[in-house]
């Protein structure tokens, strides 16, 4: 991946709805070479998909909860079942296996506290857990999906 590919990635992270011609203009390419690079970045899995980012507050999902989970079972079978169960829950936006004192971390969006209570009851009924700790976000100060594109390694 060269500097132009990195510029393309920066541009499409900000607005994936731009035409190939507009992306090319912003990175200094004509349409055809730009299109070929975009196709390669998608084929290589660098660009995984292009999506619309929706304001959760404007669709009634104003509560974000960070859920820390500890488990007493660390078997592969348990993890597979847990991962499938949690991944199927539409309220879960992000799901990580952690190092340290917490085994898993979820970012959950819901309508309100009652909505979280419903989610919580569904979660604890679905699979045995040792401890579940919930932290409610009071204010979103920064939220981005754009990764900081590193410069190419120097040789």
N, C-alpha and C. Protein backbone atom coordinates (compact mmCIF):
# COMPACT_ATOMS: atom_id res chain seq x y z
N UNK A 1 0.85 -1.17 0.00
CA UNK A 1 0.00 0.00 0.00
C UNK A 1 0.90 1.24 0.00
N UNK A 2 0.68 2.11 -0.96
CA UNK A 2 1.51 3.30 -1.07
C UNK A 2 0.78 4.53 -0.53
N UNK A 3 1.41 5.69 -0.68
CA UNK A 3 0.85 6.93 -0.14
C UNK A 3 -0.49 7.29 -0.79
N UNK A 4 -0.66 7.00 -2.06
CA UNK A 4 -1.94 7.31 -2.72
C UNK A 4 -3.06 6.42 -2.17
N UNK A 5 -2.76 5.13 -1.98
CA UNK A 5 -3.75 4.24 -1.36
C UNK A 5 -4.16 4.78 0.01
N UNK A 6 -3.21 5.25 0.77
CA UNK A 6 -3.49 5.78 2.11
C UNK A 6 -4.35 7.04 2.02
N UNK A 7 -4.09 7.88 1.01
CA UNK A 7 -4.94 9.06 0.81
C UNK A 7 -6.36 8.65 0.44
N UNK A 8 -6.48 7.65 -0.42
CA UNK A 8 -7.81 7.15 -0.80
C UNK A 8 -8.56 6.67 0.44
N UNK A 9 -7.88 5.92 1.29
CA UNK A 9 -8.52 5.42 2.50
C UNK A 9 -8.98 6.57 3.41
N UNK A 10 -8.16 7.60 3.54
CA UNK A 10 -8.55 8.75 4.36
C UNK A 10 -9.79 9.43 3.79
N UNK A 11 -9.84 9.56 2.47
CA UNK A 11 -10.99 10.22 1.82
C UNK A 11 -12.25 9.40 1.99
N UNK A 12 -12.20 8.10 1.71
CA UNK A 12 -13.43 7.29 1.77
C UNK A 12 -13.91 7.09 3.20
N UNK A 13 -13.01 7.18 4.17
CA UNK A 13 -13.45 7.11 5.57
C UNK A 13 -14.29 8.33 5.94
N UNK A 14 -14.00 9.45 5.32
CA UNK A 14 -14.76 10.66 5.61
C UNK A 14 -16.08 10.70 4.85
N UNK A 15 -16.09 10.19 3.60
CA UNK A 15 -17.31 10.21 2.81
C UNK A 15 -17.23 9.15 1.71
N UNK A 16 -17.78 7.98 2.01
CA UNK A 16 -17.75 6.87 1.05
C UNK A 16 -18.74 7.06 -0.09
N UNK A 17 -19.59 8.08 -0.01
CA UNK A 17 -20.56 8.31 -1.08
C UNK A 17 -20.00 9.13 -2.23
N UNK A 18 -18.76 9.60 -2.11
CA UNK A 18 -18.15 10.37 -3.19
C UNK A 18 -18.00 9.50 -4.44
N UNK A 19 -18.11 10.13 -5.58
CA UNK A 19 -17.89 9.41 -6.84
C UNK A 19 -16.40 9.07 -6.96
N UNK A 20 -16.12 8.09 -7.80
CA UNK A 20 -14.72 7.73 -8.05
C UNK A 20 -13.96 8.93 -8.61
N UNK A 21 -14.61 9.72 -9.47
CA UNK A 21 -13.96 10.91 -10.04
C UNK A 21 -13.59 11.90 -8.93
N UNK A 22 -14.50 12.11 -7.97
CA UNK A 22 -14.23 13.05 -6.87
C UNK A 22 -13.12 12.53 -5.97
N UNK A 23 -13.14 11.24 -5.67
CA UNK A 23 -12.06 10.66 -4.85
C UNK A 23 -10.74 10.83 -5.58
N UNK A 24 -10.73 10.49 -6.88
CA UNK A 24 -9.52 10.64 -7.68
C UNK A 24 -9.00 12.06 -7.68
N UNK A 25 -9.91 13.03 -7.84
CA UNK A 25 -9.51 14.44 -7.83
C UNK A 25 -8.85 14.81 -6.51
N UNK A 26 -9.38 14.31 -5.41
CA UNK A 26 -8.84 14.65 -4.09
C UNK A 26 -7.48 14.02 -3.82
N UNK A 27 -7.18 12.91 -4.50
CA UNK A 27 -5.90 12.24 -4.28
C UNK A 27 -4.93 12.39 -5.44
N UNK A 28 -5.34 13.09 -6.49
CA UNK A 28 -4.46 13.35 -7.62
C UNK A 28 -4.43 12.25 -8.66
N UNK A 29 -5.55 11.56 -8.87
CA UNK A 29 -5.64 10.52 -9.89
C UNK A 29 -6.83 10.76 -10.79
N UNK A 30 -6.75 10.22 -12.00
CA UNK A 30 -7.94 10.22 -12.86
C UNK A 30 -8.84 9.06 -12.40
N UNK A 31 -10.04 9.01 -12.97
CA UNK A 31 -11.04 8.05 -12.50
C UNK A 31 -10.62 6.59 -12.62
N UNK A 32 -10.07 6.19 -13.77
CA UNK A 32 -9.77 4.77 -13.97
C UNK A 32 -8.71 4.24 -12.99
N UNK A 33 -7.57 4.92 -12.83
CA UNK A 33 -6.61 4.40 -11.84
C UNK A 33 -7.16 4.43 -10.42
N UNK A 34 -7.97 5.42 -10.11
CA UNK A 34 -8.57 5.50 -8.79
C UNK A 34 -9.52 4.33 -8.58
N UNK A 35 -10.36 4.05 -9.58
CA UNK A 35 -11.31 2.94 -9.51
C UNK A 35 -10.57 1.62 -9.32
N UNK A 36 -9.46 1.42 -10.06
CA UNK A 36 -8.68 0.19 -9.94
C UNK A 36 -8.10 0.03 -8.53
N UNK A 37 -7.64 1.14 -7.97
CA UNK A 37 -7.10 1.08 -6.61
C UNK A 37 -8.20 0.75 -5.59
N UNK A 38 -9.36 1.38 -5.75
CA UNK A 38 -10.48 1.08 -4.86
C UNK A 38 -10.87 -0.40 -4.96
N UNK A 39 -10.93 -0.92 -6.16
CA UNK A 39 -11.28 -2.33 -6.37
C UNK A 39 -10.26 -3.24 -5.69
N UNK A 40 -8.96 -2.89 -5.82
CA UNK A 40 -7.92 -3.70 -5.19
C UNK A 40 -8.01 -3.63 -3.67
N UNK A 41 -8.24 -2.42 -3.13
CA UNK A 41 -8.36 -2.27 -1.67
C UNK A 41 -9.56 -3.07 -1.14
N UNK A 42 -10.63 -3.12 -1.92
CA UNK A 42 -11.78 -3.93 -1.51
C UNK A 42 -11.47 -5.43 -1.64
N UNK A 43 -10.85 -5.83 -2.74
CA UNK A 43 -10.52 -7.25 -2.95
C UNK A 43 -9.54 -7.75 -1.88
N UNK A 44 -8.63 -6.89 -1.46
CA UNK A 44 -7.65 -7.25 -0.43
C UNK A 44 -8.23 -7.21 0.97
N UNK A 45 -9.47 -6.74 1.11
CA UNK A 45 -10.11 -6.69 2.43
C UNK A 45 -9.73 -5.48 3.26
N UNK A 46 -8.99 -4.54 2.67
CA UNK A 46 -8.64 -3.31 3.40
C UNK A 46 -9.91 -2.49 3.60
N UNK A 47 -10.66 -2.30 2.52
CA UNK A 47 -11.99 -1.70 2.63
C UNK A 47 -12.96 -2.86 2.76
N UNK A 48 -13.55 -3.00 3.94
CA UNK A 48 -14.43 -4.14 4.20
C UNK A 48 -15.83 -3.92 3.68
N UNK A 49 -16.35 -2.71 3.81
CA UNK A 49 -17.67 -2.38 3.31
C UNK A 49 -17.85 -0.87 3.39
N UNK A 50 -18.85 -0.36 2.70
CA UNK A 50 -19.17 1.06 2.73
C UNK A 50 -20.56 1.19 3.33
N UNK A 51 -20.68 2.03 4.36
CA UNK A 51 -21.94 2.10 5.11
C UNK A 51 -22.35 3.55 5.36
N UNK A 52 -23.60 3.72 5.77
CA UNK A 52 -24.07 5.02 6.25
C UNK A 52 -23.95 5.02 7.76
N UNK A 53 -23.49 6.11 8.32
CA UNK A 53 -23.37 6.24 9.77
C UNK A 53 -24.58 7.03 10.27
N UNK A 54 -25.34 6.41 11.14
CA UNK A 54 -26.60 6.97 11.61
C UNK A 54 -26.43 7.52 13.02
N UNK A 55 -27.02 8.68 13.28
CA UNK A 55 -27.00 9.28 14.61
C UNK A 55 -27.93 8.48 15.52
N UNK A 56 -27.40 7.79 16.53
CA UNK A 56 -28.25 6.94 17.38
C UNK A 56 -29.33 7.73 18.11
N UNK A 57 -29.03 8.96 18.51
CA UNK A 57 -30.01 9.78 19.22
C UNK A 57 -31.24 10.06 18.35
N UNK A 58 -31.01 10.27 17.06
CA UNK A 58 -32.10 10.64 16.16
C UNK A 58 -33.02 9.48 15.82
N UNK A 59 -32.60 8.26 16.17
CA UNK A 59 -33.49 7.11 15.95
C UNK A 59 -33.90 6.47 17.28
N UNK A 60 -33.71 7.20 18.37
CA UNK A 60 -34.19 6.74 19.66
C UNK A 60 -33.29 5.78 20.40
N UNK A 61 -32.02 5.71 20.03
CA UNK A 61 -31.07 4.86 20.74
C UNK A 61 -30.07 5.73 21.50
N UNK A 62 -30.60 6.48 22.46
CA UNK A 62 -29.81 7.50 23.15
C UNK A 62 -28.98 7.03 24.31
N UNK A 63 -29.05 5.74 24.66
CA UNK A 63 -28.29 5.25 25.81
C UNK A 63 -27.21 4.28 25.32
N UNK A 64 -25.96 4.60 25.67
CA UNK A 64 -24.83 3.73 25.37
C UNK A 64 -24.33 3.16 26.69
N UNK A 65 -24.14 1.84 26.71
CA UNK A 65 -23.70 1.15 27.92
C UNK A 65 -22.46 0.33 27.58
N UNK A 66 -21.44 0.46 28.42
CA UNK A 66 -20.25 -0.37 28.30
C UNK A 66 -20.39 -1.47 29.34
N UNK A 67 -20.37 -2.71 28.87
CA UNK A 67 -20.65 -3.85 29.73
C UNK A 67 -19.39 -4.70 29.84
N UNK A 68 -18.88 -4.81 31.07
CA UNK A 68 -17.72 -5.66 31.36
C UNK A 68 -18.23 -7.00 31.86
N UNK A 69 -17.67 -8.06 31.33
CA UNK A 69 -18.14 -9.40 31.69
C UNK A 69 -16.95 -10.24 32.15
N UNK A 70 -17.17 -10.92 33.27
CA UNK A 70 -16.22 -11.91 33.74
C UNK A 70 -16.92 -13.26 33.71
N UNK A 71 -16.18 -14.28 33.35
CA UNK A 71 -16.74 -15.63 33.29
C UNK A 71 -15.86 -16.59 34.07
N UNK A 72 -16.45 -17.63 34.56
CA UNK A 72 -15.69 -18.67 35.24
C UNK A 72 -15.28 -19.79 34.29
N UNK A 73 -15.80 -19.77 33.09
CA UNK A 73 -15.54 -20.82 32.10
C UNK A 73 -14.76 -20.21 30.94
N UNK A 74 -13.62 -20.79 30.64
CA UNK A 74 -12.78 -20.28 29.54
C UNK A 74 -12.56 -21.35 28.47
N UNK A 75 -13.45 -22.32 28.42
CA UNK A 75 -13.29 -23.39 27.43
C UNK A 75 -13.66 -22.89 26.04
N UNK A 76 -13.12 -23.55 25.03
CA UNK A 76 -13.43 -23.21 23.65
C UNK A 76 -14.92 -23.38 23.35
N UNK A 77 -15.52 -24.42 23.88
CA UNK A 77 -16.95 -24.68 23.65
C UNK A 77 -17.80 -23.53 24.23
N UNK A 78 -17.48 -23.12 25.46
CA UNK A 78 -18.22 -22.03 26.09
C UNK A 78 -18.04 -20.74 25.29
N UNK A 79 -16.79 -20.43 24.91
CA UNK A 79 -16.51 -19.22 24.15
C UNK A 79 -17.28 -19.21 22.83
N UNK A 80 -17.31 -20.33 22.14
CA UNK A 80 -18.03 -20.40 20.86
C UNK A 80 -19.51 -20.09 21.08
N UNK A 81 -20.10 -20.72 22.07
CA UNK A 81 -21.52 -20.48 22.37
C UNK A 81 -21.76 -19.03 22.79
N UNK A 82 -20.91 -18.51 23.65
CA UNK A 82 -21.03 -17.13 24.12
C UNK A 82 -20.89 -16.15 22.95
N UNK A 83 -19.88 -16.34 22.11
CA UNK A 83 -19.65 -15.44 20.98
C UNK A 83 -20.83 -15.46 20.01
N UNK A 84 -21.37 -16.62 19.73
CA UNK A 84 -22.52 -16.72 18.84
C UNK A 84 -23.75 -16.04 19.44
N UNK A 85 -23.98 -16.26 20.73
CA UNK A 85 -25.14 -15.70 21.42
C UNK A 85 -25.07 -14.17 21.45
N UNK A 86 -23.94 -13.64 21.89
CA UNK A 86 -23.80 -12.18 22.02
C UNK A 86 -23.76 -11.52 20.64
N UNK A 87 -23.10 -12.13 19.68
CA UNK A 87 -23.02 -11.56 18.34
C UNK A 87 -24.39 -11.45 17.68
N UNK A 88 -25.31 -12.31 18.07
CA UNK A 88 -26.66 -12.28 17.49
C UNK A 88 -27.56 -11.22 18.12
N UNK A 89 -27.10 -10.57 19.18
CA UNK A 89 -27.91 -9.56 19.86
C UNK A 89 -27.72 -8.22 19.15
N UNK A 90 -28.77 -7.66 18.54
CA UNK A 90 -28.61 -6.45 17.74
C UNK A 90 -28.20 -5.21 18.56
N UNK A 91 -28.43 -5.23 19.84
CA UNK A 91 -28.04 -4.09 20.68
C UNK A 91 -26.52 -3.98 20.85
N UNK A 92 -25.81 -5.07 20.61
CA UNK A 92 -24.35 -5.10 20.79
C UNK A 92 -23.68 -4.55 19.55
N UNK A 93 -23.05 -3.40 19.70
CA UNK A 93 -22.36 -2.73 18.60
C UNK A 93 -20.91 -3.20 18.47
N UNK A 94 -20.27 -3.46 19.60
CA UNK A 94 -18.89 -3.92 19.60
C UNK A 94 -18.76 -4.98 20.68
N UNK A 95 -17.86 -5.95 20.44
CA UNK A 95 -17.72 -7.09 21.33
C UNK A 95 -16.25 -7.51 21.28
N UNK A 96 -15.57 -7.45 22.43
CA UNK A 96 -14.14 -7.73 22.49
C UNK A 96 -13.83 -8.74 23.58
N UNK A 97 -12.87 -9.62 23.31
CA UNK A 97 -12.26 -10.45 24.34
C UNK A 97 -11.08 -9.65 24.86
N UNK A 98 -10.97 -9.54 26.17
CA UNK A 98 -10.01 -8.62 26.77
C UNK A 98 -8.88 -9.37 27.48
N UNK A 99 -7.78 -8.67 27.72
CA UNK A 99 -6.72 -9.13 28.61
C UNK A 99 -6.89 -8.34 29.91
N UNK A 100 -6.51 -8.92 31.01
CA UNK A 100 -6.63 -8.21 32.29
C UNK A 100 -7.73 -8.78 33.16
N UNK A 101 -8.30 -7.93 34.01
CA UNK A 101 -9.26 -8.40 35.01
C UNK A 101 -10.68 -8.59 34.47
N UNK A 102 -10.94 -8.16 33.25
CA UNK A 102 -12.24 -8.34 32.61
C UNK A 102 -12.04 -9.27 31.43
N UNK A 103 -12.95 -10.21 31.25
CA UNK A 103 -12.81 -11.17 30.16
C UNK A 103 -13.35 -10.65 28.82
N UNK A 104 -14.50 -9.94 28.88
CA UNK A 104 -15.14 -9.44 27.66
C UNK A 104 -15.67 -8.05 27.91
N UNK A 105 -15.72 -7.27 26.84
CA UNK A 105 -16.27 -5.91 26.90
C UNK A 105 -17.22 -5.74 25.73
N UNK A 106 -18.41 -5.20 26.03
CA UNK A 106 -19.41 -4.93 25.02
C UNK A 106 -19.73 -3.45 25.01
N UNK A 107 -20.03 -2.93 23.83
CA UNK A 107 -20.65 -1.61 23.71
C UNK A 107 -22.06 -1.87 23.21
N UNK A 108 -23.02 -1.44 24.02
CA UNK A 108 -24.42 -1.73 23.77
C UNK A 108 -25.17 -0.42 23.60
N UNK A 109 -26.09 -0.34 22.63
CA UNK A 109 -26.96 0.83 22.50
C UNK A 109 -28.41 0.39 22.68
N UNK A 110 -29.13 1.18 23.45
CA UNK A 110 -30.53 0.90 23.75
C UNK A 110 -31.31 2.20 23.82
N UNK A 111 -32.63 2.08 23.89
CA UNK A 111 -33.49 3.25 23.93
C UNK A 111 -33.41 3.99 25.25
N UNK A 112 -33.38 3.24 26.34
CA UNK A 112 -33.42 3.84 27.67
C UNK A 112 -32.98 2.80 28.71
N UNK A 113 -33.08 3.15 29.99
CA UNK A 113 -32.65 2.23 31.05
C UNK A 113 -33.51 0.96 31.03
N UNK A 114 -34.80 1.10 30.81
CA UNK A 114 -35.66 -0.08 30.72
C UNK A 114 -35.23 -0.98 29.56
N UNK A 115 -34.82 -0.37 28.45
CA UNK A 115 -34.32 -1.14 27.32
C UNK A 115 -33.05 -1.89 27.68
N UNK A 116 -32.20 -1.26 28.49
CA UNK A 116 -30.99 -1.96 28.93
C UNK A 116 -31.35 -3.10 29.88
N UNK A 117 -32.31 -2.87 30.74
CA UNK A 117 -32.73 -3.92 31.68
C UNK A 117 -33.22 -5.15 30.90
N UNK A 118 -33.98 -4.93 29.85
CA UNK A 118 -34.45 -6.02 29.00
C UNK A 118 -33.26 -6.75 28.37
N UNK A 119 -32.31 -5.99 27.84
CA UNK A 119 -31.10 -6.58 27.25
C UNK A 119 -30.34 -7.39 28.30
N UNK A 120 -30.14 -6.80 29.47
CA UNK A 120 -29.39 -7.45 30.55
C UNK A 120 -30.03 -8.79 30.93
N UNK A 121 -31.33 -8.80 31.10
CA UNK A 121 -32.03 -10.03 31.46
C UNK A 121 -31.88 -11.09 30.37
N UNK A 122 -31.93 -10.66 29.11
CA UNK A 122 -31.74 -11.58 27.98
C UNK A 122 -30.31 -12.15 28.00
N UNK A 123 -29.33 -11.31 28.29
CA UNK A 123 -27.93 -11.72 28.33
C UNK A 123 -27.70 -12.74 29.43
N UNK A 124 -28.12 -12.44 30.65
CA UNK A 124 -27.82 -13.35 31.76
C UNK A 124 -28.64 -14.64 31.70
N UNK A 125 -29.78 -14.61 31.01
CA UNK A 125 -30.58 -15.83 30.84
C UNK A 125 -29.98 -16.74 29.78
N UNK A 126 -29.24 -16.16 28.85
CA UNK A 126 -28.74 -16.92 27.70
C UNK A 126 -27.52 -17.77 28.02
N UNK A 127 -26.71 -17.31 28.98
CA UNK A 127 -25.43 -17.99 29.21
C UNK A 127 -24.93 -17.68 30.63
N UNK A 128 -24.35 -18.66 31.31
CA UNK A 128 -23.88 -18.41 32.68
C UNK A 128 -22.65 -17.48 32.69
N UNK A 129 -22.72 -16.45 33.53
CA UNK A 129 -21.65 -15.46 33.66
C UNK A 129 -21.30 -15.29 35.13
N UNK A 130 -20.04 -14.99 35.41
CA UNK A 130 -19.59 -14.79 36.79
C UNK A 130 -19.95 -13.40 37.28
N UNK A 131 -19.72 -12.37 36.45
CA UNK A 131 -19.97 -11.00 36.86
C UNK A 131 -20.25 -10.15 35.63
N UNK A 132 -21.24 -9.27 35.75
CA UNK A 132 -21.57 -8.31 34.68
C UNK A 132 -21.59 -6.93 35.31
N UNK A 133 -20.76 -6.03 34.79
CA UNK A 133 -20.71 -4.66 35.29
C UNK A 133 -21.08 -3.72 34.15
N UNK A 134 -22.02 -2.82 34.42
CA UNK A 134 -22.51 -1.90 33.40
C UNK A 134 -22.08 -0.48 33.72
N UNK A 135 -21.61 0.21 32.70
CA UNK A 135 -21.22 1.62 32.84
C UNK A 135 -21.98 2.40 31.78
N UNK A 136 -22.75 3.39 32.22
CA UNK A 136 -23.60 4.17 31.32
C UNK A 136 -22.87 5.43 30.89
N UNK A 137 -22.79 5.65 29.58
CA UNK A 137 -22.16 6.87 29.05
C UNK A 137 -23.11 8.04 29.30
N UNK A 138 -22.58 9.09 29.86
CA UNK A 138 -23.38 10.29 30.15
C UNK A 138 -23.43 11.23 28.95
N UNK A 139 -22.32 11.29 28.21
CA UNK A 139 -22.22 12.22 27.08
C UNK A 139 -21.23 11.67 26.07
N UNK A 140 -21.56 11.74 24.80
CA UNK A 140 -20.64 11.35 23.73
C UNK A 140 -19.83 12.59 23.39
N UNK A 141 -18.55 12.55 23.67
CA UNK A 141 -17.68 13.70 23.42
C UNK A 141 -16.99 13.56 22.07
N UNK A 142 -16.56 12.36 21.75
CA UNK A 142 -15.98 12.09 20.44
C UNK A 142 -16.43 10.71 20.01
N UNK A 143 -16.82 10.60 18.76
CA UNK A 143 -17.18 9.31 18.19
C UNK A 143 -16.80 9.36 16.72
N UNK A 144 -15.96 8.45 16.31
CA UNK A 144 -15.53 8.40 14.92
C UNK A 144 -15.38 6.96 14.48
N UNK A 145 -15.54 6.73 13.22
CA UNK A 145 -15.24 5.43 12.65
C UNK A 145 -13.96 5.49 11.81
N UNK A 146 -13.43 6.69 11.62
CA UNK A 146 -12.25 6.88 10.78
C UNK A 146 -10.99 6.49 11.54
N UNK A 147 -10.26 5.52 11.00
CA UNK A 147 -8.99 5.11 11.59
C UNK A 147 -7.91 6.13 11.23
N UNK A 148 -6.95 6.34 12.11
CA UNK A 148 -5.81 7.19 11.75
C UNK A 148 -4.90 6.41 10.81
N UNK A 149 -4.85 6.79 9.55
CA UNK A 149 -4.07 6.05 8.56
C UNK A 149 -2.58 6.35 8.77
N UNK A 150 -1.80 5.33 9.13
CA UNK A 150 -0.37 5.58 9.36
C UNK A 150 0.37 5.85 8.04
N UNK A 151 1.43 6.60 8.13
CA UNK A 151 2.29 6.80 6.98
C UNK A 151 2.93 5.47 6.60
N UNK A 152 3.35 5.38 5.37
CA UNK A 152 4.05 4.18 4.92
C UNK A 152 5.34 4.02 5.71
N UNK A 153 5.72 2.78 6.04
CA UNK A 153 6.99 2.59 6.76
C UNK A 153 8.16 3.09 5.93
N UNK A 154 9.09 3.71 6.60
CA UNK A 154 10.29 4.22 5.91
C UNK A 154 11.27 3.07 5.75
N UNK A 155 11.96 3.10 4.62
CA UNK A 155 12.93 2.01 4.35
C UNK A 155 14.32 2.52 4.41
